[in-house]
C-alpha cells in the first residue's frame, strides 16, 4: 500500500533544484534517481549526494548540467558502466549510463532492497522490483540476491554500517548468514574502500557499530592478530556502551578522534595483549584501512590506556600533556575498558581535566620551553645527544607539572643536577 506522505516526499525530491535541472537537461532521455537519495526521501531524511541513471547520452547530459548548475565533471572510470561525477557546491551527483540493459538489471546488482529503488524523473513512477519500500516500512535490510556479498565483500561492512546508522534497521537472518559466509573475503578488498565505510560507521554509537560488525562477521576479523590470545571480554556490548556514555555520537559525521577511538576499542576487544594489538594495528596500516595519521592517533590511545590513572594534579598535567588534544578520548577509552575500581579513577580524570586545562591551558598541552637545548647543555656541560635530550624532557616534565614556572627556577633545578646523574625532579605526589 502506498503512503501519501511517502509520495509527497518523492515529489519533494523531484522538486530539488539539482534534480529539476537534471530532468530539464536530459532532452527527453529517461532518467531515474536511484539508491540512497530515494531511500532517504522515503524515510523523511534530507537529500545528500545524488545518484542517477540515464538511458543514454550520459556525457552530453552531464556536460550540459555542469554548465547549468554549475559544477566540475570527474570521470569515475569503469568499462561496463559509463560513470561521471558532477561536483557542485551543494553536493555530488553521480551519473550512470544504462545502455542496452534493462533498469531492473541495474537495480538487481545493488546491495540491499532499500537501495534498489528508482524514481523516474519524467512521470514520477517508483520502480521497486525487490520490495524495497516494503522493507523500509519494516526497517529491514535484505540482500537483493544471494551473490551480493561474494560479488563485493565490502558489502559485509556496508551492511553493518547501514544497520548501525539507519535508525531502527536490522538485517534479516538470511542476509546475516550471507554476510558472515563472505566475511573471510574481506581480506581481498582494497583497504581504502574498507576505511571509507568504517569512517562512516564510527559516526554511530560504538555499541551499535561494533555490534553490527560482529553480527556481520567483520569483527574481530579486521582487528585480530592471529598470534594473540582473544581478549578476556565475554562480549563487546557493555564495554562499547560504557564508551558511548562518555563519548556520545555526534549529530553529524564522525570526527577523526571518533574514528581513532573506534579502532582502538575494536583492537582492545579483539586482542588480549598489547603486542598483538600493535601487530594488528600495523596490519591495518599496511592495508591502508587506516592512514598513517590515524595509525599514530590509535597508537597514542593504546599507549595512554596502559598507564595508571593519574592521581595528583601534577600527574594529571603530565598525563594530559602526553595525550594532547585526544585526552578526553584516551581517558574515556581507558574508563570503558577498566574494571569498576579503575573506572571510577578514570572518571575522576575526566572530571578533573577540564578545570585544570581551563586554568593552565597551553602551558600543559603545548608549553613553550623555559630553556632551549643549547642553554640546558651549557648549564649541565652536556654535548648534544641522548643525555641532553633526556635532561630536556625531564625539565619539560617539571614545567608541565607546575614544579618550575620561570627561567630562574629552571636554572636552579639544573644547578642541583650532577653531570653524571639524571636530572632531579621534586618528589611526585
Foldseek 3Di string as FASTA:
>chain_A
DDDPQLLVLLVVLCPDPLNVLLVVLLVPWKKKKFFPQSLCSSVVHDGAETEMETQDPQVSSLVVSCVVVNFDKDFPDDDPWGWIWTQDPRHIYIYTHPYPDDLQVVLLLDFWQLRSWIAISPPRDIDRPQCNVVCSVVLETEGSDLCNCVVPVLVLLVQLQCQQPVPPHDYDVVVLVSLQVNLVVVVVDQLVSLLVSLQQSLLGQLLSNVVSCVSSNNPPVLQFQPVFDAAPDPDLNQLSVLLCVLPPRDPDGHDLLSSLLSSLSRNNRGGHDLVRRVVSLVVSCVSPNDDPVSSVLNVLLSVLLVDQQQDDLLSLLQSCQSNAPSVSSSLSSSLSPDDPVSVVSSVVSNVPPPVSCVVVPCQRNPNDQQDDLVVLCVLLVHDDDDLSVQQSVVLSSCSSSVVDPHNVSSSVQSNPDHSVDHRDHPDDD
